PDB file of N, CA and C in Angstrom:
ATOM      1  N   MET A   1      39.650   3.703 -60.184  1.00  0.00           N
ATOM      2  CA  MET A   1      39.568   2.793 -59.206  1.00  0.00           C
ATOM      3  C   MET A   1      39.471   3.336 -57.974  1.00  0.00           C
ATOM      4  N   THR A   2      38.731   3.124 -57.162  1.00  0.00           N
ATOM      5  CA  THR A   2      38.521   3.838 -55.680  1.00  0.00           C
ATOM      6  C   THR A   2      39.936   3.233 -54.785  1.00  0.00           C
ATOM      7  N   SER A   3      40.601   4.168 -54.121  1.00  0.00           N
ATOM      8  CA  SER A   3      41.396   3.711 -53.199  1.00  0.00           C
ATOM      9  C   SER A   3      40.553   3.545 -51.919  1.00  0.00           C
ATOM     10  N   PRO A   4      41.445   2.915 -51.267  1.00  0.00           N
ATOM     11  CA  PRO A   4      41.138   2.342 -49.674  1.00  0.00           C
ATOM     12  C   PRO A   4      40.784   3.567 -48.585  1.00  0.00           C
ATOM     13  N   ALA A   5      41.595   4.516 -49.042  1.00  0.00           N
ATOM     14  CA  ALA A   5      41.511   5.750 -48.443  1.00  0.00           C
ATOM     15  C   ALA A   5      40.055   6.340 -48.208  1.00  0.00           C
ATOM     16  N   SER A   6      39.501   6.629 -50.064  1.00  0.00           N
ATOM     17  CA  SER A   6      38.494   6.886 -50.224  1.00  0.00           C
ATOM     18  C   SER A   6      37.300   6.170 -49.793  1.00  0.00           C
ATOM     19  N   LEU A   7      37.419   4.791 -49.698  1.00  0.00           N
ATOM     20  CA  LEU A   7      36.418   3.976 -49.128  1.00  0.00           C
ATOM     21  C   LEU A   7      36.289   3.904 -47.414  1.00  0.00           C
ATOM     22  N   ALA A   8      37.382   4.413 -47.101  1.00  0.00           N
ATOM     23  CA  ALA A   8      37.079   4.388 -45.410  1.00  0.00           C
ATOM     24  C   ALA A   8      36.267   6.052 -45.116  1.00  0.00           C
ATOM     25  N   GLY A   9      36.902   6.790 -46.026  1.00  0.00           N
ATOM     26  CA  GLY A   9      35.826   8.114 -45.832  1.00  0.00           C
ATOM     27  C   GLY A   9      36.649   9.014 -44.634  1.00  0.00           C
ATOM     28  N   ASP A  10      37.002  10.029 -44.971  1.00  0.00           N
ATOM     29  CA  ASP A  10      37.551  10.824 -43.711  1.00  0.00           C
ATOM     30  C   ASP A  10      36.173  11.736 -43.232  1.00  0.00           C
ATOM     31  N   SER A  11      35.257  11.952 -43.728  1.00  0.00           N
ATOM     32  CA  SER A  11      34.245  13.094 -42.940  1.00  0.00           C
ATOM     33  C   SER A  11      32.558  12.146 -43.500  1.00  0.00           C
ATOM     34  N   GLY A  12      31.782  12.544 -43.227  1.00  0.00           N
ATOM     35  CA  GLY A  12      30.526  12.278 -42.995  1.00  0.00           C
ATOM     36  C   GLY A  12      30.143  11.047 -42.172  1.00  0.00           C
ATOM     37  N   GLY A  13      31.021  10.104 -41.652  1.00  0.00           N
ATOM     38  CA  GLY A  13      30.587   9.334 -40.855  1.00  0.00           C
ATOM     39  C   GLY A  13      30.158   9.669 -39.329  1.00  0.00           C
ATOM     40  N   ALA A  14      31.188  10.658 -38.725  1.00  0.00           N
ATOM     41  CA  ALA A  14      30.642  11.432 -37.738  1.00  0.00           C
ATOM     42  C   ALA A  14      29.450  11.935 -37.346  1.00  0.00           C
ATOM     43  N   THR A  15      29.157  12.579 -38.677  1.00  0.00           N
ATOM     44  CA  THR A  15      27.904  13.721 -38.545  1.00  0.00           C
ATOM     45  C   THR A  15      26.721  12.900 -38.713  1.00  0.00           C
ATOM     46  N   ALA A  16      27.029  11.614 -39.809  1.00  0.00           N
ATOM     47  CA  ALA A  16      25.750  10.610 -39.300  1.00  0.00           C
ATOM     48  C   ALA A  16      25.212  10.258 -38.299  1.00  0.00           C
ATOM     49  N   SER A  17      26.600  10.009 -37.192  1.00  0.00           N
ATOM     50  CA  SER A  17      26.435   9.222 -36.200  1.00  0.00           C
ATOM     51  C   SER A  17      25.848  10.509 -35.158  1.00  0.00           C
ATOM     52  N   VAL A  18      26.036  11.392 -35.112  1.00  0.00           N
ATOM     53  CA  VAL A  18      25.694  12.625 -34.566  1.00  0.00           C
ATOM     54  C   VAL A  18      24.201  12.970 -34.820  1.00  0.00           C
ATOM     55  N   GLU A  19      23.834  12.874 -36.404  1.00  0.00           N
ATOM     56  CA  GLU A  19      22.546  12.938 -36.466  1.00  0.00           C
ATOM     57  C   GLU A  19      21.482  12.138 -36.203  1.00  0.00           C
ATOM     58  N   GLU A  20      21.952  10.843 -36.063  1.00  0.00           N
ATOM     59  CA  GLU A  20      21.132   9.604 -35.773  1.00  0.00           C
ATOM     60  C   GLU A  20      21.116   9.887 -34.208  1.00  0.00           C
ATOM     61  N   ASP A  21      21.879  10.091 -33.546  1.00  0.00           N
ATOM     62  CA  ASP A  21      21.565  10.253 -32.186  1.00  0.00           C
ATOM     63  C   ASP A  21      20.873  11.418 -31.609  1.00  0.00           C
ATOM     64  N   ALA A  22      20.404  12.442 -32.307  1.00  0.00           N
ATOM     65  CA  ALA A  22      19.761  13.637 -32.251  1.00  0.00           C
ATOM     66  C   ALA A  22      18.412  12.841 -32.380  1.00  0.00           C
ATOM     67  N   VAL A  23      18.147  12.153 -33.414  1.00  0.00           N
ATOM     68  CA  VAL A  23      16.919  11.340 -34.154  1.00  0.00           C
ATOM     69  C   VAL A  23      16.311  10.495 -32.592  1.00  0.00           C
ATOM     70  N   LEU A  24      17.562   9.623 -32.470  1.00  0.00           N
ATOM     71  CA  LEU A  24      16.921   8.839 -31.268  1.00  0.00           C
ATOM     72  C   LEU A  24      16.669   9.720 -30.041  1.00  0.00           C
ATOM     73  N   ASP A  25      17.494  10.548 -29.618  1.00  0.00           N
ATOM     74  CA  ASP A  25      16.979  11.489 -28.341  1.00  0.00           C
ATOM     75  C   ASP A  25      15.921  12.078 -28.409  1.00  0.00           C
ATOM     76  N   SER A  26      15.309  12.422 -29.382  1.00  0.00           N
ATOM     77  CA  SER A  26      14.127  12.851 -29.610  1.00  0.00           C
ATOM     78  C   SER A  26      12.964  12.166 -29.929  1.00  0.00           C
ATOM     79  N   ARG A  27      13.072  10.746 -30.571  1.00  0.00           N
ATOM     80  CA  ARG A  27      12.173  10.087 -30.627  1.00  0.00           C
ATOM     81  C   ARG A  27      11.369   9.566 -29.644  1.00  0.00           C
ATOM     82  N   GLU A  28      10.068   9.431 -30.004  1.00  0.00           N
ATOM     83  CA  GLU A  28       8.829   8.927 -28.861  1.00  0.00           C
ATOM     84  C   GLU A  28       8.057   7.785 -29.433  1.00  0.00           C
ATOM     85  N   ASP A  29       8.449   6.675 -28.882  1.00  0.00           N
ATOM     86  CA  ASP A  29       7.932   5.088 -29.250  1.00  0.00           C
ATOM     87  C   ASP A  29       6.424   5.308 -28.667  1.00  0.00           C
ATOM     88  N   ALA A  30       5.654   4.578 -29.151  1.00  0.00           N
ATOM     89  CA  ALA A  30       4.426   4.122 -28.761  1.00  0.00           C
ATOM     90  C   ALA A  30       4.585   3.278 -27.495  1.00  0.00           C
ATOM     91  N   LEU A  31       3.729   3.622 -26.219  1.00  0.00           N
ATOM     92  CA  LEU A  31       4.034   2.379 -25.179  1.00  0.00           C
ATOM     93  C   LEU A  31       3.249   1.434 -25.473  1.00  0.00           C
ATOM     94  N   PRO A  32       3.745   0.126 -25.016  1.00  0.00           N
ATOM     95  CA  PRO A  32       3.313  -1.206 -25.473  1.00  0.00           C
ATOM     96  C   PRO A  32       2.137  -1.336 -24.389  1.00  0.00           C
ATOM     97  N   PHE A  33       0.927  -2.223 -24.957  1.00  0.00           N
ATOM     98  CA  PHE A  33      -0.541  -2.276 -24.152  1.00  0.00           C
ATOM     99  C   PHE A  33       0.373  -3.757 -23.328  1.00  0.00           C
ATOM    100  N   CYS A  34      -0.478  -3.790 -22.366  1.00  0.00           N
ATOM    101  CA  CYS A  34       0.099  -4.830 -21.337  1.00  0.00           C
ATOM    102  C   CYS A  34      -0.582  -5.997 -21.858  1.00  0.00           C
ATOM    103  N   ASP A  35      -1.852  -5.921 -22.002  1.00  0.00           N
ATOM    104  CA  ASP A  35      -2.803  -7.062 -22.296  1.00  0.00           C
ATOM    105  C   ASP A  35      -3.005  -8.013 -21.174  1.00  0.00           C
ATOM    106  N   SER A  36      -2.366  -9.018 -21.459  1.00  0.00           N
ATOM    107  CA  SER A  36      -2.415 -10.083 -20.364  1.00  0.00           C
ATOM    108  C   SER A  36      -1.427 -10.426 -19.394  1.00  0.00           C
ATOM    109  N   GLU A  37      -0.524  -9.466 -19.373  1.00  0.00           N
ATOM    110  CA  GLU A  37       0.406  -9.487 -18.435  1.00  0.00           C
ATOM    111  C   GLU A  37       0.610  -8.331 -17.417  1.00  0.00           C
ATOM    112  N   SER A  38       1.172  -8.721 -16.260  1.00  0.00           N
ATOM    113  CA  SER A  38       1.394  -7.593 -15.021  1.00  0.00           C
ATOM    114  C   SER A  38       3.001  -8.186 -14.525  1.00  0.00           C
ATOM    115  N   TYR A  39       3.504  -6.889 -14.748  1.00  0.00           N
ATOM    116  CA  TYR A  39       5.198  -6.978 -14.197  1.00  0.00           C
ATOM    117  C   TYR A  39       5.608  -5.499 -13.633  1.00  0.00           C
ATOM    118  N   TRP A  40       6.708  -5.521 -13.039  1.00  0.00           N
ATOM    119  CA  TRP A  40       7.356  -4.522 -12.568  1.00  0.00           C
ATOM    120  C   TRP A  40       9.177  -4.803 -13.047  1.00  0.00           C
ATOM    121  N   ILE A  41       9.864  -4.330 -13.751  1.00  0.00           N
ATOM    122  CA  ILE A  41      10.997  -4.299 -13.884  1.00  0.00           C
ATOM    123  C   ILE A  41      11.875  -3.259 -13.808  1.00  0.00           C
ATOM    124  N   ASP A  42      12.568  -3.237 -12.749  1.00  0.00           N
ATOM    125  CA  ASP A  42      13.826  -2.033 -12.668  1.00  0.00           C
ATOM    126  C   ASP A  42      14.841  -2.243 -13.360  1.00  0.00           C
ATOM    127  N   PHE A  43      15.731  -1.291 -13.626  1.00  0.00           N
ATOM    128  CA  PHE A  43      16.710  -1.072 -14.789  1.00  0.00           C
ATOM    129  C   PHE A  43      17.736  -0.465 -13.685  1.00  0.00           C
ATOM    130  N   TYR A  44      19.190  -1.177 -13.834  1.00  0.00           N
ATOM    131  CA  TYR A  44      20.428  -0.485 -13.366  1.00  0.00           C
ATOM    132  C   TYR A  44      21.380  -0.173 -14.223  1.00  0.00           C
ATOM    133  N   SER A  45      22.321   0.448 -13.869  1.00  0.00           N
ATOM    134  CA  SER A  45      23.291   0.925 -14.778  1.00  0.00           C
ATOM    135  C   SER A  45      24.260  -0.039 -15.138  1.00  0.00           C
ATOM    136  N   ASP A  46      24.569  -0.953 -14.287  1.00  0.00           N
ATOM    137  CA  ASP A  46      25.657  -1.830 -14.738  1.00  0.00           C
ATOM    138  C   ASP A  46      25.306  -3.302 -13.937  1.00  0.00           C
ATOM    139  N   ALA A  47      25.969  -4.530 -14.302  1.00  0.00           N
ATOM    140  CA  ALA A  47      25.672  -5.682 -13.617  1.00  0.00           C
ATOM    141  C   ALA A  47      25.913  -5.469 -12.110  1.00  0.00           C
ATOM    142  N   SER A  48      26.523  -4.653 -11.291  1.00  0.00           N
ATOM    143  CA  SER A  48      26.112  -4.607  -9.703  1.00  0.00           C
ATOM    144  C   SER A  48      25.103  -4.414  -9.307  1.00  0.00           C
ATOM    145  N   LEU A  49      24.200  -3.958 -10.177  1.00  0.00           N
ATOM    146  CA  LEU A  49      22.880  -3.673  -9.726  1.00  0.00           C
ATOM    147  C   LEU A  49      22.598  -2.894  -8.378  1.00  0.00           C
ATOM    148  N   THR A  50      23.640  -1.822  -8.354  1.00  0.00           N
ATOM    149  CA  THR A  50      23.629  -0.717  -7.195  1.00  0.00           C
ATOM    150  C   THR A  50      23.038   0.367  -7.664  1.00  0.00           C
ATOM    151  N   ARG A  51      23.093   1.024  -9.038  1.00  0.00           N
ATOM    152  CA  ARG A  51      22.530   2.681  -9.430  1.00  0.00           C
ATOM    153  C   ARG A  51      21.335   2.448 -10.063  1.00  0.00           C
ATOM    154  N   TRP A  52      20.195   2.370  -9.666  1.00  0.00           N
ATOM    155  CA  TRP A  52      18.819   2.411 -10.198  1.00  0.00           C
ATOM    156  C   TRP A  52      18.771   3.503 -11.376  1.00  0.00           C
ATOM    157  N   VAL A  53      18.282   3.098 -12.291  1.00  0.00           N
ATOM    158  CA  VAL A  53      18.273   4.020 -13.503  1.00  0.00           C
ATOM    159  C   VAL A  53      16.811   4.598 -14.056  1.00  0.00           C
ATOM    160  N   GLY A  54      16.243   3.489 -13.938  1.00  0.00           N
ATOM    161  CA  GLY A  54      14.686   3.256 -14.466  1.00  0.00           C
ATOM    162  C   GLY A  54      13.828   2.044 -14.084  1.00  0.00           C
ATOM    163  N   PHE A  55      12.576   2.321 -14.679  1.00  0.00           N
ATOM    164  CA  PHE A  55      11.551   1.177 -14.188  1.00  0.00           C
ATOM    165  C   PHE A  55      10.632   0.875 -15.830  1.00  0.00           C
ATOM    166  N   LYS A  56      10.069  -0.162 -15.885  1.00  0.00           N
ATOM    167  CA  LYS A  56       8.815  -0.518 -16.504  1.00  0.00           C
ATOM    168  C   LYS A  56       8.065  -1.298 -15.947  1.00  0.00           C
ATOM    169  N   SER A  57       6.936  -0.663 -16.090  1.00  0.00           N
ATOM    170  CA  SER A  57       5.609  -1.436 -15.355  1.00  0.00           C
ATOM    171  C   SER A  57       4.621  -1.662 -16.389  1.00  0.00           C
ATOM    172  N   CYS A  58       3.650  -3.006 -16.053  1.00  0.00           N
ATOM    173  CA  CYS A  58       2.648  -3.363 -16.760  1.00  0.00           C
ATOM    174  C   CYS A  58       1.389  -3.639 -15.821  1.00  0.00           C
ATOM    175  N   GLY A  59       0.620  -2.887 -16.029  1.00  0.00           N
ATOM    176  CA  GLY A  59      -0.888  -4.053 -15.312  1.00  0.00           C
ATOM    177  C   GLY A  59      -1.659  -4.437 -16.061  1.00  0.00           C
ATOM    178  N   CYS A  60      -2.614  -5.128 -15.544  1.00  0.00           N
ATOM    179  CA  CYS A  60      -3.637  -6.011 -16.767  1.00  0.00           C
ATOM    180  C   CYS A  60      -4.193  -5.071 -17.256  1.00  0.00           C
ATOM    181  N   ASN A  61      -4.122  -5.126 -18.971  1.00  0.00           N
ATOM    182  CA  ASN A  61      -5.310  -4.478 -19.873  1.00  0.00           C
ATOM    183  C   ASN A  61      -4.815  -3.011 -19.852  1.00  0.00           C
ATOM    184  N   GLU A  62      -3.659  -2.647 -19.250  1.00  0.00           N
ATOM    185  CA  GLU A  62      -3.240  -0.918 -19.389  1.00  0.00           C
ATOM    186  C   GLU A  62      -2.275  -0.953 -20.160  1.00  0.00           C
ATOM    187  N   THR A  63      -1.646   0.501 -20.536  1.00  0.00           N
ATOM    188  CA  THR A  63      -0.499   0.966 -21.346  1.00  0.00           C
ATOM    189  C   THR A  63       0.744   0.803 -20.170  1.00  0.00           C
ATOM    190  N   ALA A  64       1.827   0.363 -20.989  1.00  0.00           N
ATOM    191  CA  ALA A  64       3.001   0.171 -19.833  1.00  0.00           C
ATOM    192  C   ALA A  64       3.467   1.614 -19.401  1.00  0.00           C
ATOM    193  N   HIS A  65       3.945   1.707 -18.213  1.00  0.00           N
ATOM    194  CA  HIS A  65       4.330   2.938 -17.765  1.00  0.00           C
ATOM    195  C   HIS A  65       6.032   2.678 -17.730  1.00  0.00           C
ATOM    196  N   ILE A  66       6.392   3.487 -18.347  1.00  0.00           N
ATOM    197  CA  ILE A  66       8.161   3.800 -18.143  1.00  0.00           C
ATOM    198  C   ILE A  66       8.722   4.865 -17.966  1.00  0.00           C
ATOM    199  N   SER A  67       9.934   4.721 -16.930  1.00  0.00           N
ATOM    200  CA  SER A  67      10.625   6.078 -16.533  1.00  0.00           C
ATOM    201  C   SER A  67      12.139   5.778 -16.515  1.00  0.00           C
ATOM    202  N   GLY A  68      12.486   6.724 -16.800  1.00  0.00           N
ATOM    203  CA  GLY A  68      14.286   6.828 -16.853  1.00  0.00           C
ATOM    204  C   GLY A  68      14.887   5.860 -18.110  1.00  0.00           C
ATOM    205  N   ARG A  69      15.729   5.325 -17.736  1.00  0.00           N
ATOM    206  CA  ARG A  69      16.104   4.412 -19.066  1.00  0.00           C
ATOM    207  C   ARG A  69      16.325   2.897 -18.700  1.00  0.00           C
ATOM    208  N   GLN A  70      16.218   2.269 -19.688  1.00  0.00           N
ATOM    209  CA  GLN A  70      15.954   0.709 -19.722  1.00  0.00           C
ATOM    210  C   GLN A  70      17.232   0.241 -20.334  1.00  0.00           C
ATOM    211  N   THR A  71      18.027  -0.603 -19.595  1.00  0.00           N
ATOM    212  CA  THR A  71      19.042  -1.385 -19.984  1.00  0.00           C
ATOM    213  C   THR A  71      19.228  -2.700 -20.092  1.00  0.00           C
ATOM    214  N   ALA A  72      20.026  -3.050 -20.258  1.00  0.00           N
ATOM    215  CA  ALA A  72      20.176  -4.796 -20.186  1.00  0.00           C
ATOM    216  C   ALA A  72      20.490  -5.269 -18.937  1.00  0.00           C
ATOM    217  N   PHE A  73      20.687  -4.612 -17.734  1.00  0.00           N
ATOM    218  CA  PHE A  73      20.807  -4.718 -16.527  1.00  0.00           C
ATOM    219  C   PHE A  73      19.312  -4.319 -15.729  1.00  0.00           C
ATOM    220  N   ALA A  74      18.772  -5.797 -15.651  1.00  0.00           N
ATOM    221  CA  ALA A  74      17.051  -5.397 -15.376  1.00  0.00           C
ATOM    222  C   ALA A  74      17.096  -6.648 -14.290  1.00  0.00           C
ATOM    223  N   VAL A  75      15.939  -6.172 -13.313  1.00  0.00           N
ATOM    224  CA  VAL A  75      15.627  -7.300 -12.493  1.00  0.00           C
ATOM    225  C   VAL A  75      14.061  -7.423 -12.331  1.00  0.00           C
ATOM    226  N   THR A  76      12.938  -8.109 -12.901  1.00  0.00           N
ATOM    227  CA  THR A  76      11.903  -8.331 -12.588  1.00  0.00           C
ATOM    228  C   THR A  76      11.696  -8.727 -10.991  1.00  0.00           C
ATOM    229  N   ASP A  77      10.814  -7.650 -10.689  1.00  0.00           N
ATOM    230  CA  ASP A  77      10.290  -7.441  -9.477  1.00  0.00           C
ATOM    231  C   ASP A  77       9.220  -8.497  -9.294  1.00  0.00           C
ATOM    232  N   PHE A  78       8.010  -8.320 -10.604  1.00  0.00           N
ATOM    233  CA  PHE A  78       7.377  -9.714 -10.139  1.00  0.00           C
ATOM    234  C   PHE A  78       6.400  -9.693 -11.456  1.00  0.00           C
ATOM    235  N   TYR A  79       6.074 -10.808 -11.678  1.00  0.00           N
ATOM    236  CA  TYR A  79       5.343 -11.082 -12.838  1.00  0.00           C
ATOM    237  C   TYR A  79       4.174 -12.069 -12.870  1.00  0.00           C
ATOM    238  N   SER A  80       3.005 -11.612 -13.268  1.00  0.00           N
ATOM    239  CA  SER A  80       1.966 -12.411 -13.537  1.00  0.00           C
ATOM    240  C   SER A  80       0.951 -12.540 -14.726  1.00  0.00           C
ATOM    241  N   ILE A  81       0.341 -13.738 -15.066  1.00  0.00           N
ATOM    242  CA  ILE A  81      -0.509 -13.393 -16.221  1.00  0.00           C
ATOM    243  C   ILE A  81      -2.127 -12.843 -15.407  1.00  0.00           C
ATOM    244  N   CYS A  82      -2.774 -12.217 -16.039  1.00  0.00           N
ATOM    245  CA  CYS A  82      -3.980 -11.615 -16.011  1.00  0.00           C
ATOM    246  C   CYS A  82      -4.926 -12.975 -16.306  1.00  0.00           C
ATOM    247  N   ARG A  83      -6.012 -12.552 -15.335  1.00  0.00           N
ATOM    248  CA  ARG A  83      -7.103 -13.630 -15.766  1.00  0.00           C
ATOM    249  C   ARG A  83      -8.233 -13.160 -15.920  1.00  0.00           C
TER     250      ARG A  83
END
């Protein structure tokens, strides 16, 4: 029978997390194609929107441009549908 202590596991969890972080740090996802949208989104470190940390921009029928970090604290500066 398995004890609760062995289910919790006192090793391996931290190692898996470190390995996952390393994979995410070096991962390069394909940039999205903008197709029929044009926009600029600024990203900030927190809800106060005082420390800018990155942006994502799209132009009609182009590949997106992304710099810095993308966070949940975002402001869309402009958005339009391409014609």
